[in-house]
C-alpha cells in the first residue's frame, strides 16, 4: 500500500513539474515558484509536500522544449546569448556575469537576459549608462548573500526588444555569490569568455 502511494506521489510530482514546464515554455511564466504554484492549482493539488523542486521543473522544461519547441527554441536561445555578449562587452568594467535561463539553456522568446554586475561605485555605473545614453529604470531586489539578505539595485534595460536586468552587487559580494549550482549540473554564473564559448559550441 505504501509503495503504491509513493508511486502515485511520484507521478503527481512529475505531472506538476510537466504542467509548470508547459506554463514556462508556452505562457512565459518566468519564475519556477510561480509556475509550480499555478500548476498545482490547475491539478487540484493541496499537499505542498508533493510540489516538485526547481531541478525537477527544469528537467521537465528541457524535455518539453526538446519535444515541442526544438524547431525554434535553440534559435531563440542563441539570440538571447548574443545580446548577453553585447551587453557584457559594453559593461565590461563592471565585471558582468550571466545567470539564469539564458545561461542554463532553457530560455525562450519570453525570457529576459539576466546579468550580475560587481562594483563598489554604483554612481559610476549610473554615470556610465547616462554617458552611453542607455534608457534604463532602477529599482531594488531583496537578495540573499551568504547568510544575510540585502536590498540591491536592479537596473532594467531593453536591447533590440529584449528585456535585460542587471543586479548590482558590491565587489565584496562576489565572493559570496555561488559560482556552481548545488546539484553540480552547471555553473550559476558565467563570465564573458564563457558565454562567447557557448555561442561557438
Protein backbone atom coordinates (compact mmCIF):
# COMPACT_ATOMS: atom_id res chain seq x y z
CA UNK A 1 0.00 0.00 0.00
CA UNK A 2 2.83 2.39 0.95
CA UNK A 3 4.69 1.60 -2.27
CA UNK A 4 1.59 2.33 -4.38
CA UNK A 5 1.10 5.64 -2.55
CA UNK A 6 4.74 6.53 -3.18
CA UNK A 7 4.38 5.74 -6.88
CA UNK A 8 1.24 7.87 -7.06
CA UNK A 9 3.06 10.71 -5.30
CA UNK A 10 5.98 10.48 -7.72
CA UNK A 11 3.63 10.51 -10.68
CA UNK A 12 1.83 13.54 -9.29
CA UNK A 13 5.13 15.38 -8.76
CA UNK A 14 6.12 14.63 -12.35
CA UNK A 15 2.72 15.79 -13.57
CA UNK A 16 3.03 19.09 -11.67
CA UNK A 17 6.57 19.54 -13.00
CA UNK A 18 5.33 18.97 -16.55
CA UNK A 19 2.46 21.44 -16.13
CA UNK A 20 4.86 24.02 -14.69
CA UNK A 21 7.27 23.45 -17.57
CA UNK A 22 4.48 23.96 -20.10
CA UNK A 23 3.47 27.22 -18.39
CA UNK A 24 7.06 28.44 -18.63
CA UNK A 25 7.53 27.31 -22.23
CA UNK A 26 4.19 28.41 -23.69
CA UNK A 27 2.85 31.17 -21.45
CA UNK A 28 6.04 32.89 -20.39
CA UNK A 29 5.80 32.26 -16.64
CA UNK A 30 9.39 33.07 -15.76
CA UNK A 31 9.62 32.10 -12.09
CA UNK A 32 9.85 28.46 -11.00
CA UNK A 33 7.89 29.15 -7.83
CA UNK A 34 5.04 30.90 -9.62
CA UNK A 35 4.93 28.19 -12.28
CA UNK A 36 4.73 25.33 -9.77
CA UNK A 37 2.02 27.03 -7.70
CA UNK A 38 -0.10 27.73 -10.78
CA UNK A 39 0.44 24.16 -11.97
CA UNK A 40 -0.58 22.83 -8.56
CA UNK A 41 -3.81 24.84 -8.68
CA UNK A 42 -4.56 23.50 -12.16
CA UNK A 43 -4.03 19.95 -10.92
CA UNK A 44 -6.02 20.48 -7.72
CA UNK A 45 -3.03 19.67 -5.52
CA UNK A 46 -3.42 20.68 -1.88
CA UNK A 47 -0.39 18.90 -0.35
CA UNK A 48 2.57 21.27 -0.67
CA UNK A 49 4.94 18.43 0.23
CA UNK A 50 4.27 16.93 -3.20
CA UNK A 51 5.40 20.00 -5.11
CA UNK A 52 8.38 19.32 -7.39
CA UNK A 53 11.60 21.20 -6.74
CA UNK A 54 13.23 23.56 -9.24
CA UNK A 55 15.53 20.87 -10.62
CA UNK A 56 12.55 18.66 -11.46
CA UNK A 57 10.81 21.54 -13.21
CA UNK A 58 13.94 22.47 -15.13
CA UNK A 59 14.35 18.87 -16.26
CA UNK A 60 10.72 18.77 -17.40
CA UNK A 61 11.18 22.10 -19.18
CA UNK A 62 14.17 20.75 -21.11
CA UNK A 63 12.16 17.68 -22.12
CA UNK A 64 9.20 19.82 -23.20
CA UNK A 65 11.43 22.08 -25.28
CA UNK A 66 13.14 19.09 -26.90
CA UNK A 67 9.80 17.52 -27.78
CA UNK A 68 7.72 20.52 -28.82
CA UNK A 69 9.98 23.51 -29.43
CA UNK A 70 13.14 22.08 -30.95
CA UNK A 71 12.39 23.92 -34.20
CA UNK A 72 12.63 27.38 -32.62
CA UNK A 73 13.91 27.38 -29.03
CA UNK A 74 17.62 26.91 -29.94
CA UNK A 75 17.48 29.95 -32.24
CA UNK A 76 15.69 32.00 -29.56
CA UNK A 77 18.32 30.96 -27.01
CA UNK A 78 21.18 31.85 -29.35
CA UNK A 79 19.76 35.34 -29.98
CA UNK A 80 19.47 35.96 -26.24
CA UNK A 81 23.05 34.80 -25.68
CA UNK A 82 24.25 37.09 -28.47
CA UNK A 83 22.52 40.02 -26.78
CA UNK A 84 24.05 38.97 -23.45
CA UNK A 85 27.51 39.06 -25.03
CA UNK A 86 26.88 42.55 -26.43
CA UNK A 87 25.75 43.89 -23.06
CA UNK A 88 28.59 42.15 -21.22
CA UNK A 89 31.15 43.70 -23.56
CA UNK A 90 29.55 47.09 -23.07
CA UNK A 91 29.58 46.78 -19.28
CA UNK A 92 32.97 45.05 -19.07
CA UNK A 93 34.30 47.49 -16.45
CA UNK A 94 31.65 46.23 -14.03
CA UNK A 95 32.67 42.56 -14.15
CA UNK A 96 29.40 41.25 -15.65
CA UNK A 97 28.30 37.64 -15.19
CA UNK A 98 25.43 35.92 -16.96
CA UNK A 99 22.93 33.98 -14.83
CA UNK A 100 19.53 32.37 -15.22
CA UNK A 101 17.76 30.71 -18.12
CA UNK A 102 19.93 32.25 -20.84
CA UNK A 103 22.94 30.60 -19.21
CA UNK A 104 21.39 27.22 -18.36
CA UNK A 105 19.87 26.88 -21.85
CA UNK A 106 16.15 26.90 -21.05
CA UNK A 107 15.49 30.48 -22.21
CA UNK A 108 12.88 31.14 -24.90
CA UNK A 109 11.05 34.03 -26.53
CA UNK A 110 9.60 35.13 -23.19
CA UNK A 111 12.92 35.24 -21.33
CA UNK A 112 14.97 38.18 -20.23
CA UNK A 113 18.75 38.40 -20.15
CA UNK A 114 19.82 38.46 -16.50
CA UNK A 115 23.26 39.71 -15.53
CA UNK A 116 25.10 40.36 -12.29
CA UNK A 117 27.41 43.38 -12.06
CA UNK A 118 30.05 43.91 -9.39
CA UNK A 119 31.14 47.42 -8.44
CA UNK A 120 31.88 49.47 -5.35
CA UNK A 121 30.70 52.64 -7.08
CA UNK A 122 27.04 52.42 -8.20
CA UNK A 123 27.16 56.11 -9.11
CA UNK A 124 29.86 55.36 -11.65
CA UNK A 125 27.54 52.76 -13.18
CA UNK A 126 24.71 55.30 -13.42
CA UNK A 127 27.04 57.87 -14.98
CA UNK A 128 28.30 55.25 -17.43
CA UNK A 129 24.75 54.46 -18.56
CA UNK A 130 23.90 58.14 -18.91
CA UNK A 131 27.03 58.79 -20.96
CA UNK A 132 26.22 55.82 -23.19
CA UNK A 133 22.66 57.15 -23.50
CA UNK A 134 21.15 53.92 -22.27
CA UNK A 135 17.48 54.17 -21.43
CA UNK A 136 17.06 52.48 -18.08
CA UNK A 137 14.98 52.19 -14.94
CA UNK A 138 16.27 51.43 -11.45
CA UNK A 139 14.54 49.67 -8.59
CA UNK A 140 15.57 47.18 -5.89
CA UNK A 141 15.52 43.46 -5.29
CA UNK A 142 15.95 41.62 -1.99
CA UNK A 143 18.72 39.08 -2.49
CA UNK A 144 20.31 36.51 -0.20
CA UNK A 145 24.09 36.91 0.03
CA UNK A 146 25.75 34.26 2.15
CA UNK A 147 23.74 34.09 5.38
CA UNK A 148 22.19 37.55 5.09
CA UNK A 149 19.65 39.41 2.98
CA UNK A 150 20.34 42.70 1.20
CA UNK A 151 18.38 45.15 -0.94
CA UNK A 152 20.38 45.56 -4.14
CA UNK A 153 19.95 47.99 -7.05
CA UNK A 154 18.26 46.49 -10.08
CA UNK A 155 18.71 48.10 -13.49
CA UNK A 156 16.26 47.40 -16.33
CA UNK A 157 17.30 47.95 -19.95
CA UNK A 158 15.91 46.92 -23.30
CA UNK A 159 18.20 45.78 -26.10
CA UNK A 160 16.70 45.04 -29.51
CA UNK A 161 13.32 44.48 -27.90
CA UNK A 162 14.73 42.08 -25.28
CA UNK A 163 14.50 42.99 -21.58
CA UNK A 164 17.83 42.96 -19.76
CA UNK A 165 18.05 43.02 -15.96
CA UNK A 166 21.26 43.93 -14.14
CA UNK A 167 21.57 43.15 -10.43
CA UNK A 168 24.27 45.37 -8.94
CA UNK A 169 26.46 43.77 -6.24
CA UNK A 170 29.49 45.13 -4.43
CA UNK A 171 32.93 43.72 -5.19
CA UNK A 172 32.97 42.03 -1.78
CA UNK A 173 29.70 40.26 -2.57
CA UNK A 174 31.38 38.50 -5.48
CA UNK A 175 32.98 36.00 -3.11
CA UNK A 176 29.63 35.05 -1.59
CA UNK A 177 27.55 34.65 -4.77
CA UNK A 178 27.68 30.94 -5.75
CA UNK A 179 29.65 30.00 -8.86
CA UNK A 180 28.35 26.44 -9.11
CA UNK A 181 24.86 25.07 -8.70
CA UNK A 182 24.31 22.93 -5.66
CA UNK A 183 23.27 19.99 -7.84
CA UNK A 184 26.55 20.29 -9.84
CA UNK A 185 24.65 20.30 -13.13
CA UNK A 186 26.20 23.52 -14.33
CA UNK A 187 27.50 26.95 -13.39
CA UNK A 188 25.35 29.53 -11.65
CA UNK A 189 27.11 32.35 -13.47
CA UNK A 190 29.43 32.74 -16.44
CA UNK A 191 31.86 35.44 -17.47
CA UNK A 192 32.09 36.92 -20.96
CA UNK A 193 34.61 34.41 -22.35
CA UNK A 194 32.45 31.52 -21.13
CA UNK A 195 29.32 32.94 -22.76
CA UNK A 196 31.21 33.57 -26.00
CA UNK A 197 32.30 29.93 -25.89
CA UNK A 198 28.65 28.85 -25.66
CA UNK A 199 28.00 30.58 -29.00
CA UNK A 200 30.87 28.72 -30.64
CA UNK A 201 29.91 25.30 -29.28
